[in-house]
């Protein structure tokens, strides 16, 4: 994969995920799912870096490696930056796993579809609804065994 830039690698990884797009945010390329950023790459203090969000425990563990540090401004929320300036030393399979974790944390949860009533259940519900008659309010709110005048 020689001759490819960090951005080329990140595009390949990020844009392969569902409902993602690349945007230019704060002057740097970022990757979004819907309207939310899940990864980015750019320049930080003269180094090429990539960033992503991790579970807090994972972020705490990964920053023990000198290639990683808490991202500016959002590191307290699990965002981590990774030094990608030595392109030949980057383990892109590792990056792919980290980006997927970030995507999983940021992507909206799919809503569970409500269960559909069976035709038999629908018919029973319709029959019950048809058998109801309107009762005066006093009859609906009175306690059993009591009379209202």
C-alpha atoms as a PDB file:
ATOM      1  CA  UNK A   1       0.000   0.000   0.000  1.00  0.00           C
ATOM      2  CA  UNK A   2       2.927   2.336  -0.577  1.00  0.00           C
ATOM      3  CA  UNK A   3       2.216   5.667  -2.171  1.00  0.00           C
ATOM      4  CA  UNK A   4      -1.079   6.091  -0.340  1.00  0.00           C
ATOM      5  CA  UNK A   5      -1.609   8.911   2.116  1.00  0.00           C
ATOM      6  CA  UNK A   6      -3.077   8.731   5.614  1.00  0.00           C
ATOM      7  CA  UNK A   7      -6.231  10.312   4.218  1.00  0.00           C
ATOM      8  CA  UNK A   8      -6.451   7.646   1.494  1.00  0.00           C
ATOM      9  CA  UNK A   9      -6.297   4.921   4.148  1.00  0.00           C
ATOM     10  CA  UNK A  10      -8.841   6.677   6.353  1.00  0.00           C
ATOM     11  CA  UNK A  11     -11.219   7.148   3.448  1.00  0.00           C
ATOM     12  CA  UNK A  12     -11.027   3.455   2.628  1.00  0.00           C
ATOM     13  CA  UNK A  13     -11.747   2.467   6.248  1.00  0.00           C
ATOM     14  CA  UNK A  14     -14.374   5.066   7.140  1.00  0.00           C
ATOM     15  CA  UNK A  15     -16.377   5.289   3.930  1.00  0.00           C
ATOM     16  CA  UNK A  16     -16.818   1.505   3.853  1.00  0.00           C
ATOM     17  CA  UNK A  17     -19.087   1.829   6.912  1.00  0.00           C
ATOM     18  CA  UNK A  18     -22.848   2.373   6.433  1.00  0.00           C
ATOM     19  CA  UNK A  19     -24.266   5.899   6.042  1.00  0.00           C
ATOM     20  CA  UNK A  20     -20.903   7.670   6.239  1.00  0.00           C
ATOM     21  CA  UNK A  21     -19.555  10.726   4.496  1.00  0.00           C
ATOM     22  CA  UNK A  22     -16.455  12.888   4.500  1.00  0.00           C
ATOM     23  CA  UNK A  23     -16.718  16.548   5.447  1.00  0.00           C
ATOM     24  CA  UNK A  24     -14.252  19.383   5.827  1.00  0.00           C
ATOM     25  CA  UNK A  25     -14.616  20.493   9.442  1.00  0.00           C
ATOM     26  CA  UNK A  26     -12.334  23.011  11.164  1.00  0.00           C
ATOM     27  CA  UNK A  27     -10.224  22.932   7.998  1.00  0.00           C
ATOM     28  CA  UNK A  28      -9.500  19.178   8.277  1.00  0.00           C
ATOM     29  CA  UNK A  29     -11.179  16.066   6.823  1.00  0.00           C
ATOM     30  CA  UNK A  30     -13.595  14.347   9.187  1.00  0.00           C
ATOM     31  CA  UNK A  31     -15.851  11.354   8.764  1.00  0.00           C
ATOM     32  CA  UNK A  32     -19.448  11.389   9.862  1.00  0.00           C
ATOM     33  CA  UNK A  33     -22.279   8.985  10.325  1.00  0.00           C
ATOM     34  CA  UNK A  34     -25.394  11.059   9.893  1.00  0.00           C
ATOM     35  CA  UNK A  35     -24.379  14.451  11.243  1.00  0.00           C
ATOM     36  CA  UNK A  36     -22.016  13.149  13.930  1.00  0.00           C
ATOM     37  CA  UNK A  37     -18.240  12.910  13.616  1.00  0.00           C
ATOM     38  CA  UNK A  38     -16.758   9.492  14.381  1.00  0.00           C
ATOM     39  CA  UNK A  39     -13.206   9.954  13.017  1.00  0.00           C
ATOM     40  CA  UNK A  40     -10.904  12.519  11.514  1.00  0.00           C
ATOM     41  CA  UNK A  41      -7.407  13.144  10.319  1.00  0.00           C
ATOM     42  CA  UNK A  42      -5.233  16.166   9.992  1.00  0.00           C
ATOM     43  CA  UNK A  43      -2.293  18.046  11.443  1.00  0.00           C
ATOM     44  CA  UNK A  44      -1.677  18.512  15.151  1.00  0.00           C
ATOM     45  CA  UNK A  45       1.460  20.340  16.278  1.00  0.00           C
ATOM     46  CA  UNK A  46       3.219  19.545  12.992  1.00  0.00           C
ATOM     47  CA  UNK A  47       2.348  15.826  13.050  1.00  0.00           C
ATOM     48  CA  UNK A  48      -0.124  13.929  10.909  1.00  0.00           C
ATOM     49  CA  UNK A  49      -2.709  12.468  13.282  1.00  0.00           C
ATOM     50  CA  UNK A  50      -5.918  10.515  13.163  1.00  0.00           C
ATOM     51  CA  UNK A  51      -8.597  10.718  15.813  1.00  0.00           C
ATOM     52  CA  UNK A  52     -11.515   8.616  17.007  1.00  0.00           C
ATOM     53  CA  UNK A  53     -13.701   8.042  20.051  1.00  0.00           C
ATOM     54  CA  UNK A  54     -13.219   5.004  22.279  1.00  0.00           C
ATOM     55  CA  UNK A  55     -14.928   3.587  25.345  1.00  0.00           C
ATOM     56  CA  UNK A  56     -13.460   5.508  28.313  1.00  0.00           C
ATOM     57  CA  UNK A  57     -11.717   2.424  29.756  1.00  0.00           C
ATOM     58  CA  UNK A  58     -10.225   1.645  26.367  1.00  0.00           C
ATOM     59  CA  UNK A  59      -9.129   5.269  25.864  1.00  0.00           C
ATOM     60  CA  UNK A  60      -7.470   5.242  29.313  1.00  0.00           C
ATOM     61  CA  UNK A  61      -5.584   2.074  28.388  1.00  0.00           C
ATOM     62  CA  UNK A  62      -4.573   3.055  24.856  1.00  0.00           C
ATOM     63  CA  UNK A  63      -3.015   6.392  25.859  1.00  0.00           C
ATOM     64  CA  UNK A  64      -0.380   4.423  27.771  1.00  0.00           C
ATOM     65  CA  UNK A  65       1.103   3.737  24.327  1.00  0.00           C
ATOM     66  CA  UNK A  66       3.233   6.743  23.248  1.00  0.00           C
ATOM     67  CA  UNK A  67       1.583   6.758  19.788  1.00  0.00           C
ATOM     68  CA  UNK A  68      -1.698   7.867  21.434  1.00  0.00           C
ATOM     69  CA  UNK A  69      -2.835  10.815  23.561  1.00  0.00           C
ATOM     70  CA  UNK A  70      -6.113  12.422  24.566  1.00  0.00           C
ATOM     71  CA  UNK A  71      -7.487  14.593  21.782  1.00  0.00           C
ATOM     72  CA  UNK A  72      -7.566  18.329  22.502  1.00  0.00           C
ATOM     73  CA  UNK A  73     -10.905  19.662  23.811  1.00  0.00           C
ATOM     74  CA  UNK A  74     -12.750  16.315  23.701  1.00  0.00           C
ATOM     75  CA  UNK A  75     -10.277  13.858  25.251  1.00  0.00           C
ATOM     76  CA  UNK A  76     -12.285  13.831  28.481  1.00  0.00           C
ATOM     77  CA  UNK A  77     -15.124  12.220  26.477  1.00  0.00           C
ATOM     78  CA  UNK A  78     -12.997   9.354  25.150  1.00  0.00           C
ATOM     79  CA  UNK A  79     -11.583  10.973  22.015  1.00  0.00           C
ATOM     80  CA  UNK A  80      -8.018   9.915  21.262  1.00  0.00           C
ATOM     81  CA  UNK A  81      -5.433  11.128  18.754  1.00  0.00           C
ATOM     82  CA  UNK A  82      -2.917   8.763  17.162  1.00  0.00           C
ATOM     83  CA  UNK A  83       0.390   9.714  15.570  1.00  0.00           C
ATOM     84  CA  UNK A  84       0.244   8.679  11.916  1.00  0.00           C
ATOM     85  CA  UNK A  85       3.235  10.694  10.761  1.00  0.00           C
ATOM     86  CA  UNK A  86       5.366   7.575  10.253  1.00  0.00           C
ATOM     87  CA  UNK A  87       3.014   6.175   7.625  1.00  0.00           C
ATOM     88  CA  UNK A  88       5.018   2.976   7.106  1.00  0.00           C
ATOM     89  CA  UNK A  89       4.753   2.170  10.830  1.00  0.00           C
ATOM     90  CA  UNK A  90       0.960   2.521  11.063  1.00  0.00           C
ATOM     91  CA  UNK A  91      -0.884  -0.756  11.617  1.00  0.00           C
ATOM     92  CA  UNK A  92      -3.961  -0.115   9.476  1.00  0.00           C
ATOM     93  CA  UNK A  93      -5.740  -3.208  10.813  1.00  0.00           C
ATOM     94  CA  UNK A  94      -5.418  -1.717  14.301  1.00  0.00           C
ATOM     95  CA  UNK A  95      -6.693   1.634  13.033  1.00  0.00           C
ATOM     96  CA  UNK A  96      -9.619  -0.112  11.340  1.00  0.00           C
ATOM     97  CA  UNK A  97     -10.623  -1.757  14.635  1.00  0.00           C
ATOM     98  CA  UNK A  98     -10.376   1.556  16.503  1.00  0.00           C
ATOM     99  CA  UNK A  99     -12.394   3.394  13.851  1.00  0.00           C
ATOM    100  CA  UNK A 100     -15.071   0.688  13.969  1.00  0.00           C
ATOM    101  CA  UNK A 101     -15.286   1.066  17.748  1.00  0.00           C
ATOM    102  CA  UNK A 102     -15.725   4.806  17.314  1.00  0.00           C
ATOM    103  CA  UNK A 103     -18.366   4.294  14.641  1.00  0.00           C
ATOM    104  CA  UNK A 104     -20.237   1.933  16.962  1.00  0.00           C
ATOM    105  CA  UNK A 105     -20.257   4.542  19.719  1.00  0.00           C
ATOM    106  CA  UNK A 106     -21.416   7.379  17.468  1.00  0.00           C
ATOM    107  CA  UNK A 107     -23.804   5.736  14.977  1.00  0.00           C
ATOM    108  CA  UNK A 108     -27.475   5.986  15.941  1.00  0.00           C
ATOM    109  CA  UNK A 109     -29.000   2.836  17.341  1.00  0.00           C
ATOM    110  CA  UNK A 110     -31.472   1.215  14.986  1.00  0.00           C
ATOM    111  CA  UNK A 111     -34.982   1.416  16.342  1.00  0.00           C
ATOM    112  CA  UNK A 112     -36.595  -1.932  16.922  1.00  0.00           C
ATOM    113  CA  UNK A 113     -39.630  -2.406  14.753  1.00  0.00           C
ATOM    114  CA  UNK A 114     -42.854  -2.728  16.747  1.00  0.00           C
ATOM    115  CA  UNK A 115     -44.360  -6.171  16.655  1.00  0.00           C
ATOM    116  CA  UNK A 116     -47.173  -6.492  14.184  1.00  0.00           C
ATOM    117  CA  UNK A 117     -50.434  -7.840  15.494  1.00  0.00           C
ATOM    118  CA  UNK A 118     -51.596 -10.992  13.816  1.00  0.00           C
ATOM    119  CA  UNK A 119     -54.818 -10.899  11.869  1.00  0.00           C
ATOM    120  CA  UNK A 120     -56.525 -12.948  14.601  1.00  0.00           C
ATOM    121  CA  UNK A 121     -55.374 -10.532  17.300  1.00  0.00           C
ATOM    122  CA  UNK A 122     -56.532  -7.570  15.200  1.00  0.00           C
ATOM    123  CA  UNK A 123     -59.993  -9.119  14.763  1.00  0.00           C
ATOM    124  CA  UNK A 124     -60.313  -9.732  18.533  1.00  0.00           C
ATOM    125  CA  UNK A 125     -59.274  -6.173  19.334  1.00  0.00           C
ATOM    126  CA  UNK A 126     -61.747  -4.803  16.789  1.00  0.00           C
ATOM    127  CA  UNK A 127     -64.553  -6.965  18.193  1.00  0.00           C
ATOM    128  CA  UNK A 128     -63.822  -5.787  21.741  1.00  0.00           C
ATOM    129  CA  UNK A 129     -63.817  -2.175  20.611  1.00  0.00           C
ATOM    130  CA  UNK A 130     -67.169  -2.640  18.861  1.00  0.00           C
ATOM    131  CA  UNK A 131     -68.786  -4.130  21.989  1.00  0.00           C
ATOM    132  CA  UNK A 132     -67.990  -1.119  24.128  1.00  0.00           C
ATOM    133  CA  UNK A 133     -70.744   1.315  24.870  1.00  0.00           C
ATOM    134  CA  UNK A 134     -70.249   4.733  26.325  1.00  0.00           C
ATOM    135  CA  UNK A 135     -71.034   4.900  30.030  1.00  0.00           C
ATOM    136  CA  UNK A 136     -71.799   8.081  31.890  1.00  0.00           C
ATOM    137  CA  UNK A 137     -68.785   9.471  33.730  1.00  0.00           C
ATOM    138  CA  UNK A 138     -70.356   8.821  37.122  1.00  0.00           C
ATOM    139  CA  UNK A 139     -70.723   5.122  36.305  1.00  0.00           C
ATOM    140  CA  UNK A 140     -67.117   4.877  35.147  1.00  0.00           C
ATOM    141  CA  UNK A 141     -65.629   6.509  38.235  1.00  0.00           C
ATOM    142  CA  UNK A 142     -67.876   5.059  40.960  1.00  0.00           C
ATOM    143  CA  UNK A 143     -66.362   2.422  43.202  1.00  0.00           C
ATOM    144  CA  UNK A 144     -68.061  -0.962  43.276  1.00  0.00           C
ATOM    145  CA  UNK A 145     -70.638  -1.177  46.061  1.00  0.00           C
ATOM    146  CA  UNK A 146     -71.117   2.589  46.318  1.00  0.00           C
ATOM    147  CA  UNK A 147     -73.911   4.706  44.974  1.00  0.00           C
ATOM    148  CA  UNK A 148     -73.819   8.197  43.689  1.00  0.00           C
ATOM    149  CA  UNK A 149     -76.801  10.468  43.979  1.00  0.00           C
END
